[in-house]
Amino acid sequence: MGLAFGLYFLCTGFLGEPVYVEVEVAGKPYARYEMKRYRQPEEIPIRTQYGTNTLRISDKEVRVVQADCPDKLDVKQGAIGKSGETIVCLSNKLVIKISGERDLDALSE
């Protein structure tokens, strides 16, 4: 039993789950990017019928760097990088969220 727990903790605690940037448009899945694949920041345009937003994804964070929405609140929000954090662009019906990261504090509770 102890060995099984130790292996589980090793695999999930130290190595961690993959962390993803999930993009939804108008409430439907649009794209999913695994953050560790972006060792160098990369800009990715999200073009839909509602508008265009450009994401900058790195292995640690994602941000909207350009948008054609009128208020640009998604650009002003800055970067997110922890599981559960989101960026929303209401005008372009865009939601960007981080998922998959395990929080060591949650494991210890």
C-alpha atoms as a PDB file:
ATOM      1  CA  MET A   1       0.000   0.000   0.000  1.00  0.00           C
ATOM      2  CA  GLY A   2       2.775   2.458   0.930  1.00  0.00           C
ATOM      3  CA  LEU A   3       4.667   1.718  -2.278  1.00  0.00           C
ATOM      4  CA  ALA A   4       1.558   2.323  -4.381  1.00  0.00           C
ATOM      5  CA  PHE A   5       0.933   5.670  -2.661  1.00  0.00           C
ATOM      6  CA  GLY A   6       4.580   6.620  -3.099  1.00  0.00           C
ATOM      7  CA  LEU A   7       4.485   5.865  -6.821  1.00  0.00           C
ATOM      8  CA  TYR A   8       1.209   7.769  -7.197  1.00  0.00           C
ATOM      9  CA  PHE A   9       2.657  10.806  -5.406  1.00  0.00           C
ATOM     10  CA  LEU A  10       5.829  10.613  -7.471  1.00  0.00           C
ATOM     11  CA  CYS A  11       3.875  10.531 -10.726  1.00  0.00           C
ATOM     12  CA  THR A  12       1.329  13.203  -9.822  1.00  0.00           C
ATOM     13  CA  GLY A  13       3.135  15.362  -7.279  1.00  0.00           C
ATOM     14  CA  PHE A  14       6.580  15.772  -8.770  1.00  0.00           C
ATOM     15  CA  LEU A  15       5.989  15.151 -12.440  1.00  0.00           C
ATOM     16  CA  GLY A  16       2.479  16.613 -12.381  1.00  0.00           C
ATOM     17  CA  GLU A  17      -0.334  16.313 -14.826  1.00  0.00           C
ATOM     18  CA  PRO A  18      -0.083  18.064 -18.144  1.00  0.00           C
ATOM     19  CA  VAL A  19      -1.279  21.644 -17.941  1.00  0.00           C
ATOM     20  CA  TYR A  20      -3.529  22.836 -20.746  1.00  0.00           C
ATOM     21  CA  VAL A  21      -4.806  26.106 -22.133  1.00  0.00           C
ATOM     22  CA  GLU A  22      -8.406  25.426 -23.114  1.00  0.00           C
ATOM     23  CA  VAL A  23     -10.140  27.829 -25.481  1.00  0.00           C
ATOM     24  CA  GLU A  24     -13.911  27.997 -25.835  1.00  0.00           C
ATOM     25  CA  VAL A  25     -15.866  30.151 -28.280  1.00  0.00           C
ATOM     26  CA  ALA A  26     -19.587  30.736 -27.735  1.00  0.00           C
ATOM     27  CA  GLY A  27     -19.584  28.013 -25.059  1.00  0.00           C
ATOM     28  CA  LYS A  28     -18.107  25.322 -27.319  1.00  0.00           C
ATOM     29  CA  PRO A  29     -14.580  23.850 -27.273  1.00  0.00           C
ATOM     30  CA  TYR A  30     -12.389  25.536 -29.881  1.00  0.00           C
ATOM     31  CA  ALA A  31      -8.786  24.466 -29.117  1.00  0.00           C
ATOM     32  CA  ARG A  32      -6.586  22.919 -26.440  1.00  0.00           C
ATOM     33  CA  TYR A  33      -2.851  23.535 -26.080  1.00  0.00           C
ATOM     34  CA  GLU A  34      -0.448  21.679 -23.783  1.00  0.00           C
ATOM     35  CA  MET A  35       1.649  24.385 -22.145  1.00  0.00           C
ATOM     36  CA  LYS A  36       4.880  22.400 -21.735  1.00  0.00           C
ATOM     37  CA  ARG A  37       5.187  22.246 -25.532  1.00  0.00           C
ATOM     38  CA  TYR A  38       5.780  26.002 -25.614  1.00  0.00           C
ATOM     39  CA  ARG A  39       9.282  26.392 -24.196  1.00  0.00           C
ATOM     40  CA  GLN A  40       9.577  29.606 -26.205  1.00  0.00           C
ATOM     41  CA  PRO A  41       6.519  31.900 -26.161  1.00  0.00           C
ATOM     42  CA  GLU A  42       4.407  31.531 -29.276  1.00  0.00           C
ATOM     43  CA  GLU A  43       1.588  33.730 -30.549  1.00  0.00           C
ATOM     44  CA  ILE A  44      -1.546  31.956 -31.746  1.00  0.00           C
ATOM     45  CA  PRO A  45      -4.399  33.816 -33.454  1.00  0.00           C
ATOM     46  CA  ILE A  46      -7.944  32.776 -32.566  1.00  0.00           C
ATOM     47  CA  ARG A  47     -10.133  33.861 -35.487  1.00  0.00           C
ATOM     48  CA  THR A  48     -13.876  33.278 -35.269  1.00  0.00           C
ATOM     49  CA  GLN A  49     -17.043  34.809 -36.616  1.00  0.00           C
ATOM     50  CA  TYR A  50     -17.170  36.955 -33.465  1.00  0.00           C
ATOM     51  CA  GLY A  51     -13.703  38.474 -33.746  1.00  0.00           C
ATOM     52  CA  THR A  52      -9.966  37.873 -33.443  1.00  0.00           C
ATOM     53  CA  ASN A  53      -7.818  37.490 -30.344  1.00  0.00           C
ATOM     54  CA  THR A  54      -4.133  36.629 -30.307  1.00  0.00           C
ATOM     55  CA  LEU A  55      -2.819  34.463 -27.468  1.00  0.00           C
ATOM     56  CA  ARG A  56       0.790  34.266 -26.322  1.00  0.00           C
ATOM     57  CA  ILE A  57       1.400  30.846 -24.778  1.00  0.00           C
ATOM     58  CA  SER A  58       4.528  29.795 -22.928  1.00  0.00           C
ATOM     59  CA  ASP A  59       5.245  26.832 -20.690  1.00  0.00           C
ATOM     60  CA  LYS A  60       4.295  28.930 -17.634  1.00  0.00           C
ATOM     61  CA  GLU A  61       1.491  31.297 -18.689  1.00  0.00           C
ATOM     62  CA  VAL A  62      -0.931  32.496 -21.334  1.00  0.00           C
ATOM     63  CA  ARG A  63      -2.132  36.001 -22.095  1.00  0.00           C
ATOM     64  CA  VAL A  64      -4.149  37.806 -24.741  1.00  0.00           C
ATOM     65  CA  VAL A  65      -1.746  40.189 -26.479  1.00  0.00           C
ATOM     66  CA  GLN A  66      -4.077  41.541 -29.137  1.00  0.00           C
ATOM     67  CA  ALA A  67      -7.846  41.707 -29.610  1.00  0.00           C
ATOM     68  CA  ASP A  68     -10.301  43.483 -31.864  1.00  0.00           C
ATOM     69  CA  CYS A  69     -12.897  43.922 -29.102  1.00  0.00           C
ATOM     70  CA  PRO A  70     -13.742  47.510 -28.125  1.00  0.00           C
ATOM     71  CA  ASP A  71     -12.768  47.491 -24.416  1.00  0.00           C
ATOM     72  CA  LYS A  72      -9.656  45.253 -24.556  1.00  0.00           C
ATOM     73  CA  LEU A  73     -10.273  44.041 -20.987  1.00  0.00           C
ATOM     74  CA  ASP A  74      -8.898  40.624 -21.951  1.00  0.00           C
ATOM     75  CA  VAL A  75      -5.602  42.239 -22.995  1.00  0.00           C
ATOM     76  CA  LYS A  76      -5.476  44.410 -19.864  1.00  0.00           C
ATOM     77  CA  GLN A  77      -6.068  41.411 -17.584  1.00  0.00           C
ATOM     78  CA  GLY A  78      -2.540  40.137 -18.119  1.00  0.00           C
ATOM     79  CA  ALA A  79      -1.262  36.579 -17.831  1.00  0.00           C
ATOM     80  CA  ILE A  80      -2.757  33.514 -16.161  1.00  0.00           C
ATOM     81  CA  GLY A  81      -0.898  30.321 -15.309  1.00  0.00           C
ATOM     82  CA  LYS A  82      -2.644  28.443 -12.489  1.00  0.00           C
ATOM     83  CA  SER A  83      -5.326  25.814 -12.820  1.00  0.00           C
ATOM     84  CA  GLY A  84      -8.784  27.339 -12.722  1.00  0.00           C
ATOM     85  CA  GLU A  85      -7.752  30.830 -13.825  1.00  0.00           C
ATOM     86  CA  THR A  86      -9.619  32.322 -16.788  1.00  0.00           C
ATOM     87  CA  ILE A  87      -9.557  35.170 -19.267  1.00  0.00           C
ATOM     88  CA  VAL A  88     -12.879  36.202 -20.806  1.00  0.00           C
ATOM     89  CA  CYS A  89     -13.649  38.346 -23.841  1.00  0.00           C
ATOM     90  CA  LEU A  90     -17.412  38.917 -23.817  1.00  0.00           C
ATOM     91  CA  SER A  91     -17.459  40.739 -27.158  1.00  0.00           C
ATOM     92  CA  ASN A  92     -15.778  37.854 -28.976  1.00  0.00           C
ATOM     93  CA  LYS A  93     -17.506  35.143 -26.875  1.00  0.00           C
ATOM     94  CA  LEU A  94     -14.084  33.786 -25.916  1.00  0.00           C
ATOM     95  CA  VAL A  95     -13.096  31.992 -22.698  1.00  0.00           C
ATOM     96  CA  ILE A  96      -9.521  30.899 -22.030  1.00  0.00           C
ATOM     97  CA  LYS A  97      -8.835  28.721 -18.999  1.00  0.00           C
ATOM     98  CA  ILE A  98      -5.994  26.766 -17.457  1.00  0.00           C
ATOM     99  CA  SER A  99      -6.707  23.143 -16.544  1.00  0.00           C
ATOM    100  CA  GLY A 100      -4.925  19.995 -15.465  1.00  0.00           C
ATOM    101  CA  GLU A 101      -2.428  21.308 -12.948  1.00  0.00           C
ATOM    102  CA  ARG A 102      -2.328  19.614  -9.576  1.00  0.00           C
ATOM    103  CA  ASP A 103      -1.963  21.851  -6.595  1.00  0.00           C
ATOM    104  CA  LEU A 104       0.260  20.287  -3.902  1.00  0.00           C
ATOM    105  CA  ASP A 105      -1.717  22.097  -1.179  1.00  0.00           C
ATOM    106  CA  ALA A 106      -4.880  20.312  -2.342  1.00  0.00           C
ATOM    107  CA  LEU A 107      -3.085  16.952  -2.125  1.00  0.00           C
ATOM    108  CA  SER A 108      -1.971  17.554   1.432  1.00  0.00           C
ATOM    109  CA  GLU A 109      -5.436  18.497   2.769  1.00  0.00           C
END
